[in-house]
Amino acid sequence: MTTPRGNEEFVRAPTRVEVSPGESLRILRELQELSQTELAEMTGIAQSTISAIENGRVNLGVERAKTLARALSCHPAVLVFPGWEIDDAA
């Protein structure tokens, strides 16, 4: 959608972005001001594994999602299905 602005036109930025499970993990961790090392200590998951998940080298997996979600005070689905929308369920 373009909107006139003086003599220029601009394109409105999208309100949603695609986020991978690893990116979702990183975002939640950083919002809570936790380092990978701190999250590793809280969960018992190796810091190197957390790094690999955040960088898309290792799959998150359901059990790790549950463990990380407890530590980050969120629902595991927030990590496993970060781009899922209610409309997708229909």
N, C-alpha and C. Protein backbone atom coordinates (compact mmCIF):
# COMPACT_ATOMS: atom_id res chain seq x y z
N MET A 1 0.85 -1.18 0.00
CA MET A 1 0.00 0.00 0.00
C MET A 1 0.89 1.24 0.00
N THR A 2 0.66 2.12 -0.93
CA THR A 2 1.43 3.37 -0.95
C THR A 2 0.53 4.49 -0.49
N THR A 3 1.13 5.41 0.20
CA THR A 3 0.40 6.55 0.73
C THR A 3 1.15 7.81 0.33
N PRO A 4 0.43 8.79 -0.23
CA PRO A 4 1.11 10.02 -0.61
C PRO A 4 1.63 10.76 0.61
N ARG A 5 2.82 11.31 0.48
CA ARG A 5 3.42 12.08 1.57
C ARG A 5 4.16 13.23 0.91
N GLY A 6 3.53 14.37 0.84
CA GLY A 6 4.13 15.49 0.14
C GLY A 6 4.29 15.13 -1.32
N ASN A 7 5.48 15.26 -1.84
CA ASN A 7 5.76 14.88 -3.21
C ASN A 7 6.24 13.44 -3.33
N GLU A 8 6.40 12.75 -2.20
CA GLU A 8 6.93 11.39 -2.20
C GLU A 8 5.81 10.40 -1.89
N GLU A 9 6.07 9.14 -2.21
CA GLU A 9 5.20 8.06 -1.78
C GLU A 9 6.05 7.10 -0.96
N PHE A 10 5.45 6.48 0.01
CA PHE A 10 6.19 5.50 0.80
C PHE A 10 5.35 4.25 0.93
N VAL A 11 6.02 3.17 1.18
CA VAL A 11 5.36 1.89 1.35
C VAL A 11 5.31 1.58 2.84
N ARG A 12 4.11 1.29 3.32
CA ARG A 12 3.94 0.99 4.74
C ARG A 12 4.69 -0.30 5.08
N ALA A 13 5.42 -0.30 6.17
CA ALA A 13 6.16 -1.49 6.61
C ALA A 13 5.18 -2.57 7.05
N PRO A 14 5.53 -3.82 6.80
CA PRO A 14 4.65 -4.90 7.27
C PRO A 14 4.62 -4.93 8.79
N THR A 15 3.49 -5.33 9.34
CA THR A 15 3.36 -5.36 10.79
C THR A 15 3.82 -6.69 11.36
N ARG A 16 4.03 -7.69 10.51
CA ARG A 16 4.47 -9.01 10.97
C ARG A 16 5.74 -9.41 10.24
N VAL A 17 6.57 -10.14 10.92
CA VAL A 17 7.78 -10.67 10.31
C VAL A 17 7.82 -12.18 10.58
N GLU A 18 8.47 -12.90 9.70
CA GLU A 18 8.65 -14.34 9.90
C GLU A 18 9.78 -14.54 10.90
N VAL A 19 9.53 -15.37 11.90
CA VAL A 19 10.51 -15.64 12.94
C VAL A 19 10.66 -17.15 13.08
N SER A 20 11.87 -17.63 13.11
CA SER A 20 12.13 -19.06 13.31
C SER A 20 12.05 -19.39 14.81
N PRO A 21 11.94 -20.67 15.16
CA PRO A 21 11.97 -21.02 16.58
C PRO A 21 13.24 -20.53 17.28
N GLY A 22 14.39 -20.62 16.60
CA GLY A 22 15.64 -20.14 17.19
C GLY A 22 15.63 -18.64 17.43
N GLU A 23 15.09 -17.90 16.46
CA GLU A 23 15.00 -16.44 16.61
C GLU A 23 14.04 -16.09 17.73
N SER A 24 12.95 -16.85 17.84
CA SER A 24 11.99 -16.62 18.93
C SER A 24 12.66 -16.84 20.29
N LEU A 25 13.46 -17.89 20.37
CA LEU A 25 14.19 -18.17 21.61
C LEU A 25 15.13 -17.01 21.94
N ARG A 26 15.88 -16.55 20.96
CA ARG A 26 16.83 -15.44 21.19
C ARG A 26 16.08 -14.18 21.63
N ILE A 27 14.97 -13.86 20.96
CA ILE A 27 14.21 -12.66 21.30
C ILE A 27 13.72 -12.73 22.75
N LEU A 28 13.12 -13.86 23.12
CA LEU A 28 12.60 -13.98 24.49
C LEU A 28 13.73 -13.92 25.52
N ARG A 29 14.85 -14.58 25.21
CA ARG A 29 15.99 -14.56 26.13
C ARG A 29 16.52 -13.14 26.30
N GLU A 30 16.69 -12.44 25.20
CA GLU A 30 17.23 -11.08 25.28
C GLU A 30 16.25 -10.11 25.94
N LEU A 31 14.95 -10.29 25.71
CA LEU A 31 13.97 -9.42 26.38
C LEU A 31 14.04 -9.57 27.89
N GLN A 32 14.43 -10.75 28.34
CA GLN A 32 14.55 -11.00 29.78
C GLN A 32 15.97 -10.75 30.28
N GLU A 33 16.79 -10.16 29.39
CA GLU A 33 18.16 -9.79 29.71
C GLU A 33 18.97 -10.95 30.27
N LEU A 34 18.81 -12.13 29.63
CA LEU A 34 19.56 -13.31 30.02
C LEU A 34 20.62 -13.60 28.97
N SER A 35 21.79 -14.00 29.41
CA SER A 35 22.81 -14.47 28.48
C SER A 35 22.51 -15.93 28.17
N GLN A 36 23.14 -16.45 27.13
CA GLN A 36 23.00 -17.88 26.84
C GLN A 36 23.50 -18.71 28.02
N THR A 37 24.57 -18.26 28.64
CA THR A 37 25.14 -18.98 29.79
C THR A 37 24.16 -19.01 30.96
N GLU A 38 23.52 -17.89 31.23
CA GLU A 38 22.53 -17.84 32.32
C GLU A 38 21.36 -18.76 32.03
N LEU A 39 20.87 -18.75 30.79
CA LEU A 39 19.75 -19.62 30.42
C LEU A 39 20.18 -21.09 30.52
N ALA A 40 21.41 -21.38 30.13
CA ALA A 40 21.93 -22.74 30.25
C ALA A 40 21.95 -23.20 31.70
N GLU A 41 22.37 -22.32 32.59
CA GLU A 41 22.40 -22.66 34.03
C GLU A 41 21.00 -22.89 34.57
N MET A 42 20.04 -22.12 34.09
CA MET A 42 18.65 -22.24 34.54
C MET A 42 17.99 -23.53 34.06
N THR A 43 18.41 -24.01 32.88
CA THR A 43 17.71 -25.12 32.24
C THR A 43 18.47 -26.44 32.22
N GLY A 44 19.78 -26.40 32.41
CA GLY A 44 20.57 -27.61 32.28
C GLY A 44 20.87 -27.97 30.82
N ILE A 45 20.50 -27.09 29.90
CA ILE A 45 20.80 -27.28 28.48
C ILE A 45 22.12 -26.56 28.21
N ALA A 46 23.04 -27.24 27.57
CA ALA A 46 24.37 -26.65 27.33
C ALA A 46 24.27 -25.33 26.57
N GLN A 47 25.14 -24.39 26.94
CA GLN A 47 25.16 -23.09 26.25
C GLN A 47 25.40 -23.27 24.76
N SER A 48 26.26 -24.22 24.39
CA SER A 48 26.55 -24.47 22.98
C SER A 48 25.30 -24.96 22.24
N THR A 49 24.44 -25.71 22.92
CA THR A 49 23.19 -26.17 22.31
C THR A 49 22.23 -25.01 22.14
N ILE A 50 22.14 -24.13 23.14
CA ILE A 50 21.29 -22.95 23.03
C ILE A 50 21.75 -22.09 21.86
N SER A 51 23.05 -21.90 21.73
CA SER A 51 23.59 -21.14 20.61
C SER A 51 23.23 -21.80 19.27
N ALA A 52 23.38 -23.11 19.20
CA ALA A 52 23.07 -23.84 17.97
C ALA A 52 21.59 -23.74 17.62
N ILE A 53 20.71 -23.78 18.61
CA ILE A 53 19.28 -23.63 18.37
C ILE A 53 18.99 -22.23 17.84
N GLU A 54 19.54 -21.22 18.51
CA GLU A 54 19.30 -19.83 18.09
C GLU A 54 19.81 -19.56 16.68
N ASN A 55 20.84 -20.27 16.27
CA ASN A 55 21.43 -20.05 14.95
C ASN A 55 20.94 -21.05 13.90
N GLY A 56 19.92 -21.85 14.26
CA GLY A 56 19.31 -22.75 13.30
C GLY A 56 20.13 -23.98 12.94
N ARG A 57 21.14 -24.31 13.74
CA ARG A 57 21.97 -25.48 13.46
C ARG A 57 21.43 -26.75 14.13
N VAL A 58 20.60 -26.57 15.15
CA VAL A 58 20.01 -27.69 15.89
C VAL A 58 18.52 -27.41 16.03
N ASN A 59 17.70 -28.45 15.81
CA ASN A 59 16.26 -28.29 16.00
C ASN A 59 15.93 -28.13 17.48
N LEU A 60 14.93 -27.32 17.75
CA LEU A 60 14.53 -27.05 19.13
C LEU A 60 14.02 -28.31 19.81
N GLY A 61 13.06 -28.98 19.22
CA GLY A 61 12.49 -30.19 19.81
C GLY A 61 11.52 -29.87 20.93
N VAL A 62 10.54 -30.74 21.10
CA VAL A 62 9.46 -30.50 22.06
C VAL A 62 9.96 -30.47 23.50
N GLU A 63 10.79 -31.43 23.88
CA GLU A 63 11.24 -31.49 25.28
C GLU A 63 12.09 -30.28 25.64
N ARG A 64 13.00 -29.89 24.75
CA ARG A 64 13.80 -28.68 25.03
C ARG A 64 12.90 -27.45 25.05
N ALA A 65 11.90 -27.41 24.17
CA ALA A 65 10.96 -26.27 24.16
C ALA A 65 10.25 -26.15 25.50
N LYS A 66 9.83 -27.27 26.05
CA LYS A 66 9.15 -27.25 27.36
C LYS A 66 10.08 -26.72 28.44
N THR A 67 11.31 -27.21 28.45
CA THR A 67 12.29 -26.78 29.46
C THR A 67 12.60 -25.30 29.33
N LEU A 68 12.85 -24.85 28.11
CA LEU A 68 13.17 -23.44 27.89
C LEU A 68 11.96 -22.55 28.19
N ALA A 69 10.78 -23.00 27.82
CA ALA A 69 9.57 -22.22 28.07
C ALA A 69 9.34 -22.01 29.57
N ARG A 70 9.59 -23.04 30.36
CA ARG A 70 9.45 -22.88 31.83
C ARG A 70 10.41 -21.81 32.33
N ALA A 71 11.64 -21.85 31.87
CA ALA A 71 12.64 -20.87 32.31
C ALA A 71 12.31 -19.46 31.84
N LEU A 72 11.70 -19.35 30.64
CA LEU A 72 11.38 -18.03 30.07
C LEU A 72 9.95 -17.58 30.38
N SER A 73 9.23 -18.36 31.16
CA SER A 73 7.85 -18.03 31.56
C SER A 73 6.95 -17.77 30.36
N CYS A 74 6.98 -18.69 29.42
CA CYS A 74 6.09 -18.59 28.26
C CYS A 74 5.56 -19.98 27.93
N HIS A 75 4.61 -20.04 27.04
CA HIS A 75 4.07 -21.32 26.59
C HIS A 75 5.04 -21.91 25.56
N PRO A 76 5.28 -23.23 25.58
CA PRO A 76 6.18 -23.83 24.60
C PRO A 76 5.82 -23.53 23.15
N ALA A 77 4.54 -23.35 22.87
CA ALA A 77 4.11 -23.06 21.49
C ALA A 77 4.70 -21.75 20.98
N VAL A 78 4.98 -20.83 21.88
CA VAL A 78 5.59 -19.56 21.47
C VAL A 78 6.96 -19.82 20.84
N LEU A 79 7.65 -20.83 21.34
CA LEU A 79 8.96 -21.18 20.80
C LEU A 79 8.84 -22.10 19.58
N VAL A 80 7.98 -23.09 19.66
CA VAL A 80 7.88 -24.10 18.60
C VAL A 80 7.19 -23.57 17.35
N PHE A 81 6.15 -22.75 17.52
CA PHE A 81 5.36 -22.22 16.40
C PHE A 81 5.32 -20.70 16.43
N PRO A 82 6.45 -20.01 16.33
CA PRO A 82 6.44 -18.55 16.49
C PRO A 82 5.64 -17.80 15.42
N GLY A 83 5.49 -18.36 14.22
CA GLY A 83 4.77 -17.65 13.16
C GLY A 83 3.33 -18.09 13.00
N TRP A 84 2.86 -18.99 13.84
CA TRP A 84 1.53 -19.54 13.70
C TRP A 84 0.48 -18.51 14.11
N GLU A 85 -0.57 -18.41 13.32
CA GLU A 85 -1.67 -17.50 13.63
C GLU A 85 -2.95 -18.29 13.81
N ILE A 86 -3.87 -17.74 14.57
CA ILE A 86 -5.15 -18.39 14.83
C ILE A 86 -5.84 -18.74 13.51
N ASP A 87 -5.78 -17.85 12.53
CA ASP A 87 -6.44 -18.07 11.25
C ASP A 87 -5.89 -19.30 10.54
N ASP A 88 -4.65 -19.70 10.83
CA ASP A 88 -4.03 -20.86 10.20
C ASP A 88 -4.70 -22.17 10.66
N ALA A 89 -5.37 -22.13 11.80
CA ALA A 89 -5.97 -23.34 12.35
C ALA A 89 -7.23 -23.77 11.61
N ALA A 90 -7.85 -22.84 10.92
CA ALA A 90 -9.12 -23.16 10.25
C ALA A 90 -8.95 -24.06 9.06
